[in-house]
Amino acid sequence: MSKTGTSFLVNFAVGAGLLYVFRAVLWPFTLALVLAILITSLSDRVVRLLPRARRWMVFAITAVIVGGIIAASMAMVIEGASRIVAEMPAMLARIDQLLALVHPPGGGTLSLESLAQKVELAPLADRLLGSVQDASAGLGLTLIFLFFLLISRPMIEKRVERIVAERGGRGLASVLERSFSGVESYMYVQSVTGLMIAVGSGVVMFAVGLDNALFWSLVILLFSYLPVLGVMAGSVGPTLFALLQFPSLTPAIAVFVGIQIVSSVVGNLVLPKMQADSQNIDPAASLIAVGMWTVIWGVPGAFLAIPLTLALMYALAQYDDLRWLAVLISHDGDPTPMESAE
């Protein structure tokens, strides 16, 4: 490996350590940056549809709407989490009641208490709860970062252009352009398809009569940003609460199966047409990225894994000695298809 490749790997290891140490500040800033890119993308699309509209006004209205949605989502998540905590004893009792109907080989009955003793779930639950609490606390900081990023957007753009012109050259300009374009496309596609899945899942839950269907629809929308297994994980909550609310298993099965059907329809018919080359990441690489970023940043890292991995892939593609890593991450084996075409 050349000096350039070795130096990059050393810098990458040091950078990963710094990302972990300063995670409490860095992930809210990164999330704010991703949201700022999404707001810019949405406002630009509105301006293209309404060419006579004033760009600054459209941008301001879009920022207010997105910020309001985030604030409202935070309030709903806090309220829903409080209800989950309040219902937890009843939920555990209901699951124990269902487990008592299962007769394992060798006799006896299953219970959450016995399973917890075998699997040692307590440390895992404490760690997950701590990650969720840290994520909730960081959302307020995210809104502050987002506000300052939006109002200082022109100055930031000028500074980036000057840095690229003086020091970056074509390589840095290409990485930045592709990173912002990739994150923009990914966020737009995932937002639209996630909203479709959330609305369809909400219809299923309302039809069944599940309580707090609006909250669970929001949960599914958030989990839709996780690749491959996101919607599957998001459907666990409403399914468990359907078990608690209804005396029979039929409504819970209907909720779970209905959400999977909606997700499958959107994922197979709508997502591929919208996605195109916007998320040129291999599914296996996506899962590895989610795992790695979850270790570094906890729950927020899981939701930011794909945008961050897109940027990393484009950066690796600029180095001849490390381009093979970008090829492994990419889905079609070409991390820079536009450059290849040229």
C-alpha atoms as a PDB file:
ATOM      1  CA  MET A   1       0.000   0.000   0.000  1.00  0.00           C
ATOM      2  CA  SER A   2       1.287   3.482  -0.853  1.00  0.00           C
ATOM      3  CA  LYS A   3       1.952   6.258   1.624  1.00  0.00           C
ATOM      4  CA  THR A   4      -1.305   7.918   0.586  1.00  0.00           C
ATOM      5  CA  GLY A   5      -3.376   4.824   1.374  1.00  0.00           C
ATOM      6  CA  THR A   6      -1.592   4.195   4.672  1.00  0.00           C
ATOM      7  CA  SER A   7      -1.976   7.812   5.694  1.00  0.00           C
ATOM      8  CA  PHE A   8      -5.675   7.724   4.869  1.00  0.00           C
ATOM      9  CA  LEU A   9      -6.262   4.585   6.951  1.00  0.00           C
ATOM     10  CA  VAL A  10      -4.408   6.096   9.913  1.00  0.00           C
ATOM     11  CA  ASN A  11      -6.430   9.286   9.605  1.00  0.00           C
ATOM     12  CA  PHE A  12      -9.596   7.216   9.328  1.00  0.00           C
ATOM     13  CA  ALA A  13      -8.813   5.323  12.554  1.00  0.00           C
ATOM     14  CA  VAL A  14      -8.015   8.527  14.403  1.00  0.00           C
ATOM     15  CA  GLY A  15     -11.156  10.133  12.993  1.00  0.00           C
ATOM     16  CA  ALA A  16     -13.320   7.210  14.145  1.00  0.00           C
ATOM     17  CA  GLY A  17     -11.930   7.576  17.653  1.00  0.00           C
ATOM     18  CA  LEU A  18     -12.660  11.297  17.681  1.00  0.00           C
ATOM     19  CA  LEU A  19     -16.161  10.651  16.341  1.00  0.00           C
ATOM     20  CA  TYR A  20     -16.800   8.368  19.316  1.00  0.00           C
ATOM     21  CA  VAL A  21     -15.327  10.715  21.920  1.00  0.00           C
ATOM     22  CA  PHE A  22     -17.258  13.765  20.713  1.00  0.00           C
ATOM     23  CA  ARG A  23     -20.405  11.892  19.655  1.00  0.00           C
ATOM     24  CA  ALA A  24     -22.699  13.928  21.932  1.00  0.00           C
ATOM     25  CA  VAL A  25     -22.060  17.021  19.803  1.00  0.00           C
ATOM     26  CA  LEU A  26     -21.156  15.571  16.418  1.00  0.00           C
ATOM     27  CA  TRP A  27     -24.250  13.498  15.712  1.00  0.00           C
ATOM     28  CA  PRO A  28     -26.682  16.386  16.360  1.00  0.00           C
ATOM     29  CA  PHE A  29     -24.595  18.571  14.029  1.00  0.00           C
ATOM     30  CA  THR A  30     -24.513  15.841  11.362  1.00  0.00           C
ATOM     31  CA  LEU A  31     -28.262  15.317  11.617  1.00  0.00           C
ATOM     32  CA  ALA A  32     -28.792  19.083  11.350  1.00  0.00           C
ATOM     33  CA  LEU A  33     -26.602  19.133   8.235  1.00  0.00           C
ATOM     34  CA  VAL A  34     -28.596  16.286   6.662  1.00  0.00           C
ATOM     35  CA  LEU A  35     -31.869  18.088   7.467  1.00  0.00           C
ATOM     36  CA  ALA A  36     -30.477  21.301   5.984  1.00  0.00           C
ATOM     37  CA  ILE A  37     -29.673  19.422   2.773  1.00  0.00           C
ATOM     38  CA  LEU A  38     -33.211  17.988   2.762  1.00  0.00           C
ATOM     39  CA  ILE A  39     -34.743  21.444   3.259  1.00  0.00           C
ATOM     40  CA  THR A  40     -32.641  22.863   0.427  1.00  0.00           C
ATOM     41  CA  SER A  41     -33.657  19.985  -1.846  1.00  0.00           C
ATOM     42  CA  LEU A  42     -37.366  20.391  -1.100  1.00  0.00           C
ATOM     43  CA  SER A  43     -37.269  24.174  -1.584  1.00  0.00           C
ATOM     44  CA  ASP A  44     -35.426  23.789  -4.906  1.00  0.00           C
ATOM     45  CA  ARG A  45     -38.047  21.324  -6.124  1.00  0.00           C
ATOM     46  CA  VAL A  46     -40.848  23.735  -5.182  1.00  0.00           C
ATOM     47  CA  VAL A  47     -39.081  26.586  -6.993  1.00  0.00           C
ATOM     48  CA  ARG A  48     -38.807  24.448 -10.132  1.00  0.00           C
ATOM     49  CA  LEU A  49     -42.538  23.754  -9.945  1.00  0.00           C
ATOM     50  CA  LEU A  50     -43.343  27.411  -9.188  1.00  0.00           C
ATOM     51  CA  PRO A  51     -40.715  29.424 -11.087  1.00  0.00           C
ATOM     52  CA  ARG A  52     -42.351  32.749 -10.186  1.00  0.00           C
ATOM     53  CA  ALA A  53     -42.079  32.104  -6.444  1.00  0.00           C
ATOM     54  CA  ARG A  54     -39.344  33.889  -4.543  1.00  0.00           C
ATOM     55  CA  ARG A  55     -36.593  31.485  -3.640  1.00  0.00           C
ATOM     56  CA  TRP A  56     -35.895  32.932  -0.184  1.00  0.00           C
ATOM     57  CA  MET A  57     -39.586  32.813   0.735  1.00  0.00           C
ATOM     58  CA  VAL A  58     -39.966  29.200  -0.403  1.00  0.00           C
ATOM     59  CA  PHE A  59     -36.803  28.280   1.515  1.00  0.00           C
ATOM     60  CA  ALA A  60     -38.051  29.981   4.692  1.00  0.00           C
ATOM     61  CA  ILE A  61     -41.487  28.348   4.489  1.00  0.00           C
ATOM     62  CA  THR A  62     -39.926  24.930   3.873  1.00  0.00           C
ATOM     63  CA  ALA A  63     -37.574  25.392   6.839  1.00  0.00           C
ATOM     64  CA  VAL A  64     -40.455  26.375   9.124  1.00  0.00           C
ATOM     65  CA  ILE A  65     -42.553  23.398   8.002  1.00  0.00           C
ATOM     66  CA  VAL A  66     -39.719  20.890   8.456  1.00  0.00           C
ATOM     67  CA  GLY A  67     -38.784  22.402  11.817  1.00  0.00           C
ATOM     68  CA  GLY A  68     -42.412  22.263  12.934  1.00  0.00           C
ATOM     69  CA  ILE A  69     -42.686  18.638  11.879  1.00  0.00           C
ATOM     70  CA  ILE A  70     -39.538  17.805  13.864  1.00  0.00           C
ATOM     71  CA  ALA A  71     -40.814  19.624  16.965  1.00  0.00           C
ATOM     72  CA  ALA A  72     -44.232  17.960  16.709  1.00  0.00           C
ATOM     73  CA  SER A  73     -42.580  14.580  16.185  1.00  0.00           C
ATOM     74  CA  MET A  74     -40.455  15.096  19.288  1.00  0.00           C
ATOM     75  CA  ALA A  75     -43.581  15.877  21.335  1.00  0.00           C
ATOM     76  CA  MET A  76     -45.378  12.795  19.991  1.00  0.00           C
ATOM     77  CA  VAL A  77     -42.378  10.550  20.645  1.00  0.00           C
ATOM     78  CA  ILE A  78     -42.070  11.809  24.224  1.00  0.00           C
ATOM     79  CA  GLU A  79     -45.784  11.285  24.840  1.00  0.00           C
ATOM     80  CA  GLY A  80     -45.740   7.854  23.239  1.00  0.00           C
ATOM     81  CA  ALA A  81     -42.637   6.828  25.178  1.00  0.00           C
ATOM     82  CA  SER A  82     -44.344   7.845  28.425  1.00  0.00           C
ATOM     83  CA  ARG A  83     -47.301   5.642  27.555  1.00  0.00           C
ATOM     84  CA  ILE A  84     -44.998   2.735  26.693  1.00  0.00           C
ATOM     85  CA  VAL A  85     -43.308   3.036  30.091  1.00  0.00           C
ATOM     86  CA  ALA A  86     -46.690   3.198  31.833  1.00  0.00           C
ATOM     87  CA  GLU A  87     -47.973   0.130  29.981  1.00  0.00           C
ATOM     88  CA  MET A  88     -44.796  -1.909  30.334  1.00  0.00           C
ATOM     89  CA  PRO A  89     -45.890  -3.943  33.401  1.00  0.00           C
ATOM     90  CA  ALA A  90     -49.153  -4.898  31.694  1.00  0.00           C
ATOM     91  CA  MET A  91     -47.261  -5.703  28.480  1.00  0.00           C
ATOM     92  CA  LEU A  92     -44.849  -8.031  30.290  1.00  0.00           C
ATOM     93  CA  ALA A  93     -47.746  -9.746  32.052  1.00  0.00           C
ATOM     94  CA  ARG A  94     -49.546 -10.243  28.724  1.00  0.00           C
ATOM     95  CA  ILE A  95     -46.456 -11.714  27.082  1.00  0.00           C
ATOM     96  CA  ASP A  96     -45.969 -14.040  30.050  1.00  0.00           C
ATOM     97  CA  GLN A  97     -49.587 -15.111  29.646  1.00  0.00           C
ATOM     98  CA  LEU A  98     -48.978 -15.990  25.998  1.00  0.00           C
ATOM     99  CA  LEU A  99     -45.680 -17.719  26.748  1.00  0.00           C
ATOM    100  CA  ALA A 100     -47.438 -19.864  29.342  1.00  0.00           C
ATOM    101  CA  LEU A 101     -49.411 -21.440  26.486  1.00  0.00           C
ATOM    102  CA  VAL A 102     -46.161 -22.701  24.918  1.00  0.00           C
ATOM    103  CA  HIS A 103     -44.937 -26.031  26.242  1.00  0.00           C
ATOM    104  CA  PRO A 104     -41.216 -26.500  25.497  1.00  0.00           C
ATOM    105  CA  PRO A 105     -39.603 -29.965  25.285  1.00  0.00           C
ATOM    106  CA  GLY A 106     -38.846 -31.329  28.709  1.00  0.00           C
ATOM    107  CA  GLY A 107     -41.912 -29.828  30.367  1.00  0.00           C
ATOM    108  CA  GLY A 108     -42.374 -26.601  32.238  1.00  0.00           C
ATOM    109  CA  THR A 109     -43.446 -23.249  30.850  1.00  0.00           C
ATOM    110  CA  LEU A 110     -41.723 -20.253  29.344  1.00  0.00           C
ATOM    111  CA  SER A 111     -41.726 -16.822  30.940  1.00  0.00           C
ATOM    112  CA  LEU A 112     -39.946 -13.523  30.418  1.00  0.00           C
ATOM    113  CA  GLU A 113     -38.288 -13.921  33.787  1.00  0.00           C
ATOM    114  CA  SER A 114     -36.778 -17.290  32.919  1.00  0.00           C
ATOM    115  CA  LEU A 115     -35.741 -16.097  29.467  1.00  0.00           C
ATOM    116  CA  ALA A 116     -34.092 -13.010  30.942  1.00  0.00           C
ATOM    117  CA  GLN A 117     -32.085 -15.181  33.322  1.00  0.00           C
ATOM    118  CA  LYS A 118     -30.795 -17.274  30.416  1.00  0.00           C
ATOM    119  CA  VAL A 119     -30.106 -14.460  27.954  1.00  0.00           C
ATOM    120  CA  GLU A 120     -29.210 -11.718  30.474  1.00  0.00           C
ATOM    121  CA  LEU A 121     -31.349  -9.042  28.865  1.00  0.00           C
ATOM    122  CA  ALA A 122     -30.945  -6.452  31.631  1.00  0.00           C
ATOM    123  CA  PRO A 123     -27.540  -5.048  30.518  1.00  0.00           C
ATOM    124  CA  LEU A 124     -28.730  -4.892  26.914  1.00  0.00           C
ATOM    125  CA  ALA A 125     -31.944  -3.123  27.891  1.00  0.00           C
ATOM    126  CA  ASP A 126     -30.049  -0.602  30.041  1.00  0.00           C
ATOM    127  CA  ARG A 127     -27.657   0.174  27.202  1.00  0.00           C
ATOM    128  CA  LEU A 128     -30.476   0.593  24.697  1.00  0.00           C
ATOM    129  CA  LEU A 129     -32.436   2.804  27.094  1.00  0.00           C
ATOM    130  CA  GLY A 130     -29.370   4.981  27.621  1.00  0.00           C
ATOM    131  CA  SER A 131     -28.931   5.359  23.860  1.00  0.00           C
ATOM    132  CA  VAL A 132     -32.563   6.378  23.430  1.00  0.00           C
ATOM    133  CA  GLN A 133     -32.279   8.946  26.233  1.00  0.00           C
ATOM    134  CA  ASP A 134     -29.125  10.415  24.705  1.00  0.00           C
ATOM    135  CA  ALA A 135     -30.857  10.593  21.327  1.00  0.00           C
ATOM    136  CA  SER A 136     -33.838  12.447  22.804  1.00  0.00           C
ATOM    137  CA  ALA A 137     -31.579  14.965  24.534  1.00  0.00           C
ATOM    138  CA  GLY A 138     -29.607  15.588  21.328  1.00  0.00           C
ATOM    139  CA  LEU A 139     -32.649  16.464  19.214  1.00  0.00           C
ATOM    140  CA  GLY A 140     -32.935  19.869  20.869  1.00  0.00           C
ATOM    141  CA  LEU A 141     -29.290  20.554  20.020  1.00  0.00           C
ATOM    142  CA  THR A 142     -30.022  19.412  16.475  1.00  0.00           C
ATOM    143  CA  LEU A 143     -32.693  22.102  16.081  1.00  0.00           C
ATOM    144  CA  ILE A 144     -30.251  24.759  17.331  1.00  0.00           C
ATOM    145  CA  PHE A 145     -27.583  23.612  14.861  1.00  0.00           C
ATOM    146  CA  LEU A 146     -30.171  23.506  12.078  1.00  0.00           C
ATOM    147  CA  PHE A 147     -31.263  27.083  12.772  1.00  0.00           C
ATOM    148  CA  PHE A 148     -27.715  28.442  12.562  1.00  0.00           C
ATOM    149  CA  LEU A 149     -26.893  26.359   9.476  1.00  0.00           C
ATOM    150  CA  LEU A 150     -29.911  27.735   7.637  1.00  0.00           C
ATOM    151  CA  ILE A 151     -29.385  31.396   8.494  1.00  0.00           C
ATOM    152  CA  SER A 152     -25.647  31.219   7.721  1.00  0.00           C
ATOM    153  CA  ARG A 153     -26.064  29.152   4.552  1.00  0.00           C
ATOM    154  CA  PRO A 154     -24.752  31.826   2.093  1.00  0.00           C
ATOM    155  CA  MET A 155     -21.609  32.440   4.157  1.00  0.00           C
ATOM    156  CA  ILE A 156     -20.952  28.688   4.513  1.00  0.00           C
ATOM    157  CA  GLU A 157     -21.271  28.194   0.750  1.00  0.00           C
ATOM    158  CA  LYS A 158     -18.790  30.998   0.052  1.00  0.00           C
ATOM    159  CA  ARG A 159     -16.286  29.569   2.518  1.00  0.00           C
ATOM    160  CA  VAL A 160     -16.558  26.067   1.065  1.00  0.00           C
ATOM    161  CA  GLU A 161     -16.098  27.411  -2.467  1.00  0.00           C
ATOM    162  CA  ARG A 162     -13.009  29.327  -1.373  1.00  0.00           C
ATOM    163  CA  ILE A 163     -11.498  26.284   0.367  1.00  0.00           C
ATOM    164  CA  VAL A 164     -12.126  24.125  -2.697  1.00  0.00           C
ATOM    165  CA  ALA A 165     -10.629  26.736  -5.000  1.00  0.00           C
ATOM    166  CA  GLU A 166      -7.496  27.283  -2.894  1.00  0.00           C
ATOM    167  CA  ARG A 167      -6.720  23.840  -1.474  1.00  0.00           C
ATOM    168  CA  GLY A 168      -9.172  21.172  -2.537  1.00  0.00           C
ATOM    169  CA  GLY A 169      -8.827  20.984  -6.270  1.00  0.00           C
ATOM    170  CA  ARG A 170     -11.018  18.749  -8.423  1.00  0.00           C
ATOM    171  CA  GLY A 171     -10.922  15.785  -6.011  1.00  0.00           C
ATOM    172  CA  LEU A 172     -12.398  17.609  -3.019  1.00  0.00           C
ATOM    173  CA  ALA A 173     -14.941  19.384  -5.201  1.00  0.00           C
ATOM    174  CA  SER A 174     -16.071  16.036  -6.638  1.00  0.00           C
ATOM    175  CA  VAL A 175     -16.360  14.428  -3.187  1.00  0.00           C
ATOM    176  CA  LEU A 176     -18.401  17.329  -1.808  1.00  0.00           C
ATOM    177  CA  GLU A 177     -20.647  17.525  -4.855  1.00  0.00           C
ATOM    178  CA  ARG A 178     -21.355  13.799  -4.915  1.00  0.00           C
ATOM    179  CA  SER A 179     -21.800  13.608  -1.138  1.00  0.00           C
ATOM    180  CA  PHE A 180     -24.355  16.402  -1.005  1.00  0.00           C
ATOM    181  CA  SER A 181     -26.129  15.106  -4.106  1.00  0.00           C
ATOM    182  CA  GLY A 182     -26.206  11.541  -2.750  1.00  0.00           C
ATOM    183  CA  VAL A 183     -27.484  12.588   0.678  1.00  0.00           C
ATOM    184  CA  GLU A 184     -30.077  14.857  -0.935  1.00  0.00           C
ATOM    185  CA  SER A 185     -31.397  12.078  -3.193  1.00  0.00           C
ATOM    186  CA  TYR A 186     -31.343   9.500  -0.390  1.00  0.00           C
ATOM    187  CA  MET A 187     -33.235  11.714   2.050  1.00  0.00           C
ATOM    188  CA  TYR A 188     -35.808  12.695  -0.564  1.00  0.00           C
ATOM    189  CA  VAL A 189     -36.455   9.117  -1.685  1.00  0.00           C
ATOM    190  CA  GLN A 190     -36.573   7.714   1.854  1.00  0.00           C
ATOM    191  CA  SER A 191     -38.860  10.535   3.022  1.00  0.00           C
ATOM    192  CA  VAL A 192     -41.350   9.995   0.210  1.00  0.00           C
ATOM    193  CA  THR A 193     -41.379   6.191   0.397  1.00  0.00           C
ATOM    194  CA  GLY A 194     -41.319   6.247   4.199  1.00  0.00           C
ATOM    195  CA  LEU A 195     -44.346   8.541   4.200  1.00  0.00           C
ATOM    196  CA  MET A 196     -46.144   6.127   1.877  1.00  0.00           C
ATOM    197  CA  ILE A 197     -45.375   3.205   4.185  1.00  0.00           C
ATOM    198  CA  ALA A 198     -46.392   5.187   7.280  1.00  0.00           C
ATOM    199  CA  VAL A 199     -49.706   6.269   5.741  1.00  0.00           C
ATOM    200  CA  GLY A 200     -50.492   2.741   4.534  1.00  0.00           C
ATOM    201  CA  SER A 201     -49.550   1.267   7.905  1.00  0.00           C
ATOM    202  CA  GLY A 202     -51.667   3.914   9.647  1.00  0.00           C
ATOM    203  CA  VAL A 203     -54.672   2.889   7.575  1.00  0.00           C
ATOM    204  CA  VAL A 204     -54.126  -0.732   8.626  1.00  0.00           C
ATOM    205  CA  MET A 205     -53.827   0.177  12.314  1.00  0.00           C
ATOM    206  CA  PHE A 206     -56.866   2.484  12.217  1.00  0.00           C
ATOM    207  CA  ALA A 207     -58.864  -0.269  10.497  1.00  0.00           C
ATOM    208  CA  VAL A 208     -57.927  -2.731  13.235  1.00  0.00           C
ATOM    209  CA  GLY A 209     -58.744  -0.146  15.914  1.00  0.00           C
ATOM    210  CA  LEU A 210     -55.289   0.063  17.500  1.00  0.00           C
ATOM    211  CA  ASP A 211     -54.874   2.865  20.028  1.00  0.00           C
ATOM    212  CA  ASN A 212     -52.322   5.601  19.271  1.00  0.00           C
ATOM    213  CA  ALA A 213     -52.173   4.613  15.604  1.00  0.00           C
ATOM    214  CA  LEU A 214     -50.852   8.079  14.704  1.00  0.00           C
ATOM    215  CA  PHE A 215     -47.899   7.659  17.063  1.00  0.00           C
ATOM    216  CA  TRP A 216     -47.049   4.222  15.698  1.00  0.00           C
ATOM    217  CA  SER A 217     -47.280   5.585  12.141  1.00  0.00           C
ATOM    218  CA  LEU A 218     -44.655   8.167  13.095  1.00  0.00           C
ATOM    219  CA  VAL A 219     -42.477   5.424  14.578  1.00  0.00           C
ATOM    220  CA  ILE A 220     -42.694   3.448  11.329  1.00  0.00           C
ATOM    221  CA  LEU A 221     -41.829   6.595   9.331  1.00  0.00           C
ATOM    222  CA  LEU A 222     -38.694   7.084  11.440  1.00  0.00           C
ATOM    223  CA  PHE A 223     -37.687   3.421  11.168  1.00  0.00           C
ATOM    224  CA  SER A 224     -38.110   3.544   7.381  1.00  0.00           C
ATOM    225  CA  TYR A 225     -34.808   5.448   7.234  1.00  0.00           C
ATOM    226  CA  LEU A 226     -33.050   2.294   8.422  1.00  0.00           C
ATOM    227  CA  PRO A 227     -32.099   0.059   5.483  1.00  0.00           C
ATOM    228  CA  VAL A 228     -33.401  -3.465   4.908  1.00  0.00           C
ATOM    229  CA  LEU A 229     -34.824  -4.226   8.379  1.00  0.00           C
ATOM    230  CA  GLY A 230     -36.116  -0.788   9.421  1.00  0.00           C
ATOM    231  CA  VAL A 231     -39.843  -1.269   8.828  1.00  0.00           C
ATOM    232  CA  MET A 232     -39.686  -4.795  10.232  1.00  0.00           C
ATOM    233  CA  ALA A 233     -38.209  -3.429  13.469  1.00  0.00           C
ATOM    234  CA  GLY A 234     -40.704  -0.554  13.527  1.00  0.00           C
ATOM    235  CA  SER A 235     -43.653  -2.930  13.283  1.00  0.00           C
ATOM    236  CA  VAL A 236     -42.715  -4.752  16.501  1.00  0.00           C
ATOM    237  CA  GLY A 237     -44.064  -1.995  18.784  1.00  0.00           C
ATOM    238  CA  PRO A 238     -47.581  -1.728  17.367  1.00  0.00           C
ATOM    239  CA  THR A 239     -47.805  -5.519  17.161  1.00  0.00           C
ATOM    240  CA  LEU A 240     -46.957  -5.910  20.850  1.00  0.00           C
ATOM    241  CA  PHE A 241     -49.455  -3.243  21.875  1.00  0.00           C
ATOM    242  CA  ALA A 242     -52.096  -4.926  19.742  1.00  0.00           C
ATOM    243  CA  LEU A 243     -51.453  -8.051  21.822  1.00  0.00           C
ATOM    244  CA  LEU A 244     -52.039  -5.978  24.943  1.00  0.00           C
ATOM    245  CA  GLN A 245     -55.138  -4.168  23.686  1.00  0.00           C
ATOM    246  CA  PHE A 246     -57.047  -7.078  22.155  1.00  0.00           C
ATOM    247  CA  PRO A 247     -57.880 -10.425  23.803  1.00  0.00           C
ATOM    248  CA  SER A 248     -57.156 -12.478  20.675  1.00  0.00           C
ATOM    249  CA  LEU A 249     -54.089 -12.781  18.490  1.00  0.00           C
ATOM    250  CA  THR A 250     -55.909 -11.936  15.248  1.00  0.00           C
ATOM    251  CA  PRO A 251     -55.620  -8.098  15.456  1.00  0.00           C
ATOM    252  CA  ALA A 252     -51.907  -8.292  16.305  1.00  0.00           C
ATOM    253  CA  ILE A 253     -51.293 -10.632  13.371  1.00  0.00           C
ATOM    254  CA  ALA A 254     -53.315  -8.332  11.109  1.00  0.00           C
ATOM    255  CA  VAL A 255     -51.239  -5.307  12.186  1.00  0.00           C
ATOM    256  CA  PHE A 256     -47.918  -7.065  11.645  1.00  0.00           C
ATOM    257  CA  VAL A 257     -48.837  -8.682   8.329  1.00  0.00           C
ATOM    258  CA  GLY A 258     -50.549  -5.532   7.050  1.00  0.00           C
ATOM    259  CA  ILE A 259     -47.474  -3.385   7.715  1.00  0.00           C
ATOM    260  CA  GLN A 260     -45.232  -5.932   5.980  1.00  0.00           C
ATOM    261  CA  ILE A 261     -47.529  -6.016   2.926  1.00  0.00           C
ATOM    262  CA  VAL A 262     -47.527  -2.213   2.664  1.00  0.00           C
ATOM    263  CA  SER A 263     -43.743  -2.152   3.049  1.00  0.00           C
ATOM    264  CA  SER A 264     -43.311  -4.879   0.433  1.00  0.00           C
ATOM    265  CA  VAL A 265     -45.523  -3.103  -2.107  1.00  0.00           C
ATOM    266  CA  VAL A 266     -43.718   0.222  -1.689  1.00  0.00           C
ATOM    267  CA  GLY A 267     -40.301  -1.429  -1.514  1.00  0.00           C
ATOM    268  CA  ASN A 268     -40.780  -3.479  -4.675  1.00  0.00           C
ATOM    269  CA  LEU A 269     -42.931  -1.233  -6.863  1.00  0.00           C
ATOM    270  CA  VAL A 270     -42.202   2.361  -5.858  1.00  0.00           C
ATOM    271  CA  LEU A 271     -38.747   2.460  -4.263  1.00  0.00           C
ATOM    272  CA  PRO A 272     -36.725   0.949  -7.168  1.00  0.00           C
ATOM    273  CA  LYS A 273     -38.187   3.465  -9.641  1.00  0.00           C
ATOM    274  CA  MET A 274     -37.420   6.431  -7.391  1.00  0.00           C
ATOM    275  CA  GLN A 275     -34.110   5.156  -6.118  1.00  0.00           C
ATOM    276  CA  ALA A 276     -32.279   4.654  -9.408  1.00  0.00           C
ATOM    277  CA  ASP A 277     -28.623   5.434  -8.657  1.00  0.00           C
ATOM    278  CA  SER A 278     -29.310   7.648  -5.622  1.00  0.00           C
ATOM    279  CA  GLN A 279     -28.350   4.930  -3.128  1.00  0.00           C
ATOM    280  CA  ASN A 280     -25.646   2.939  -4.845  1.00  0.00           C
ATOM    281  CA  ILE A 281     -24.797   0.927  -1.714  1.00  0.00           C
ATOM    282  CA  ASP A 282     -24.767  -2.849  -1.418  1.00  0.00           C
ATOM    283  CA  PRO A 283     -27.394  -4.184   1.057  1.00  0.00           C
ATOM    284  CA  ALA A 284     -24.759  -6.127   3.009  1.00  0.00           C
ATOM    285  CA  ALA A 285     -22.609  -3.002   3.213  1.00  0.00           C
ATOM    286  CA  SER A 286     -25.673  -1.101   4.441  1.00  0.00           C
ATOM    287  CA  LEU A 287     -26.158  -3.508   7.340  1.00  0.00           C
ATOM    288  CA  ILE A 288     -22.453  -3.368   8.229  1.00  0.00           C
ATOM    289  CA  ALA A 289     -22.575   0.435   8.104  1.00  0.00           C
ATOM    290  CA  VAL A 290     -25.611   0.532  10.388  1.00  0.00           C
ATOM    291  CA  GLY A 291     -23.824  -1.720  12.882  1.00  0.00           C
ATOM    292  CA  MET A 292     -20.609   0.304  12.835  1.00  0.00           C
ATOM    293  CA  TRP A 293     -22.263   3.694  13.157  1.00  0.00           C
ATOM    294  CA  THR A 294     -24.532   2.369  15.913  1.00  0.00           C
ATOM    295  CA  VAL A 295     -21.433   1.373  17.880  1.00  0.00           C
ATOM    296  CA  ILE A 296     -19.936   4.853  17.386  1.00  0.00           C
ATOM    297  CA  TRP A 297     -23.022   7.063  17.824  1.00  0.00           C
ATOM    298  CA  GLY A 298     -25.688   4.796  19.262  1.00  0.00           C
ATOM    299  CA  VAL A 299     -29.276   5.007  17.956  1.00  0.00           C
ATOM    300  CA  PRO A 300     -28.698   8.251  15.972  1.00  0.00           C
ATOM    301  CA  GLY A 301     -25.783   6.584  14.201  1.00  0.00           C
ATOM    302  CA  ALA A 302     -28.122   3.896  12.863  1.00  0.00           C
ATOM    303  CA  PHE A 303     -30.337   6.519  11.213  1.00  0.00           C
ATOM    304  CA  LEU A 304     -27.371   8.481   9.815  1.00  0.00           C
ATOM    305  CA  ALA A 305     -25.439   5.411   8.637  1.00  0.00           C
ATOM    306  CA  ILE A 306     -26.401   5.506   4.953  1.00  0.00           C
ATOM    307  CA  PRO A 307     -25.783   9.241   4.332  1.00  0.00           C
ATOM    308  CA  LEU A 308     -22.423   8.973   6.108  1.00  0.00           C
ATOM    309  CA  THR A 309     -21.483   5.821   4.193  1.00  0.00           C
ATOM    310  CA  LEU A 310     -22.369   7.501   0.894  1.00  0.00           C
ATOM    311  CA  ALA A 311     -19.961  10.331   1.692  1.00  0.00           C
ATOM    312  CA  LEU A 312     -17.289   7.820   2.761  1.00  0.00           C
ATOM    313  CA  MET A 313     -17.700   5.834  -0.462  1.00  0.00           C
ATOM    314  CA  TYR A 314     -17.191   8.924  -2.607  1.00  0.00           C
ATOM    315  CA  ALA A 315     -14.113   9.898  -0.557  1.00  0.00           C
ATOM    316  CA  LEU A 316     -12.560   6.425  -0.892  1.00  0.00           C
ATOM    317  CA  ALA A 317     -13.163   6.451  -4.648  1.00  0.00           C
ATOM    318  CA  GLN A 318     -10.757   9.391  -5.009  1.00  0.00           C
ATOM    319  CA  TYR A 319      -7.758   7.304  -3.869  1.00  0.00           C
ATOM    320  CA  ASP A 320      -6.376   4.701  -6.258  1.00  0.00           C
ATOM    321  CA  ASP A 321      -5.142   2.483  -3.403  1.00  0.00           C
ATOM    322  CA  LEU A 322      -8.498   2.623  -1.592  1.00  0.00           C
ATOM    323  CA  ARG A 323     -10.909   2.654  -4.503  1.00  0.00           C
ATOM    324  CA  TRP A 324     -11.446  -1.087  -4.089  1.00  0.00           C
ATOM    325  CA  LEU A 325     -13.171  -0.372  -0.767  1.00  0.00           C
ATOM    326  CA  ALA A 326     -15.538   2.020  -2.517  1.00  0.00           C
ATOM    327  CA  VAL A 327     -16.215  -0.674  -5.122  1.00  0.00           C
ATOM    328  CA  LEU A 328     -17.095  -3.165  -2.342  1.00  0.00           C
ATOM    329  CA  ILE A 329     -19.447  -0.650  -0.718  1.00  0.00           C
ATOM    330  CA  SER A 330     -21.196   0.195  -3.997  1.00  0.00           C
ATOM    331  CA  HIS A 331     -24.089  -1.884  -5.260  1.00  0.00           C
ATOM    332  CA  ASP A 332     -23.162  -2.025  -8.960  1.00  0.00           C
ATOM    333  CA  GLY A 333     -19.383  -2.023  -8.543  1.00  0.00           C
ATOM    334  CA  ASP A 334     -18.988   1.539  -9.832  1.00  0.00           C
ATOM    335  CA  PRO A 335     -18.962   4.142  -7.033  1.00  0.00           C
ATOM    336  CA  THR A 336     -18.567   7.018  -9.526  1.00  0.00           C
ATOM    337  CA  PRO A 337     -20.746   6.118 -12.534  1.00  0.00           C
ATOM    338  CA  MET A 338     -20.882   9.669 -13.905  1.00  0.00           C
ATOM    339  CA  GLU A 339     -17.092   9.961 -13.984  1.00  0.00           C
ATOM    340  CA  SER A 340     -16.872   6.567 -15.720  1.00  0.00           C
ATOM    341  CA  ALA A 341     -19.319   7.738 -18.349  1.00  0.00           C
ATOM    342  CA  GLU A 342     -17.244  10.822 -18.994  1.00  0.00           C
END
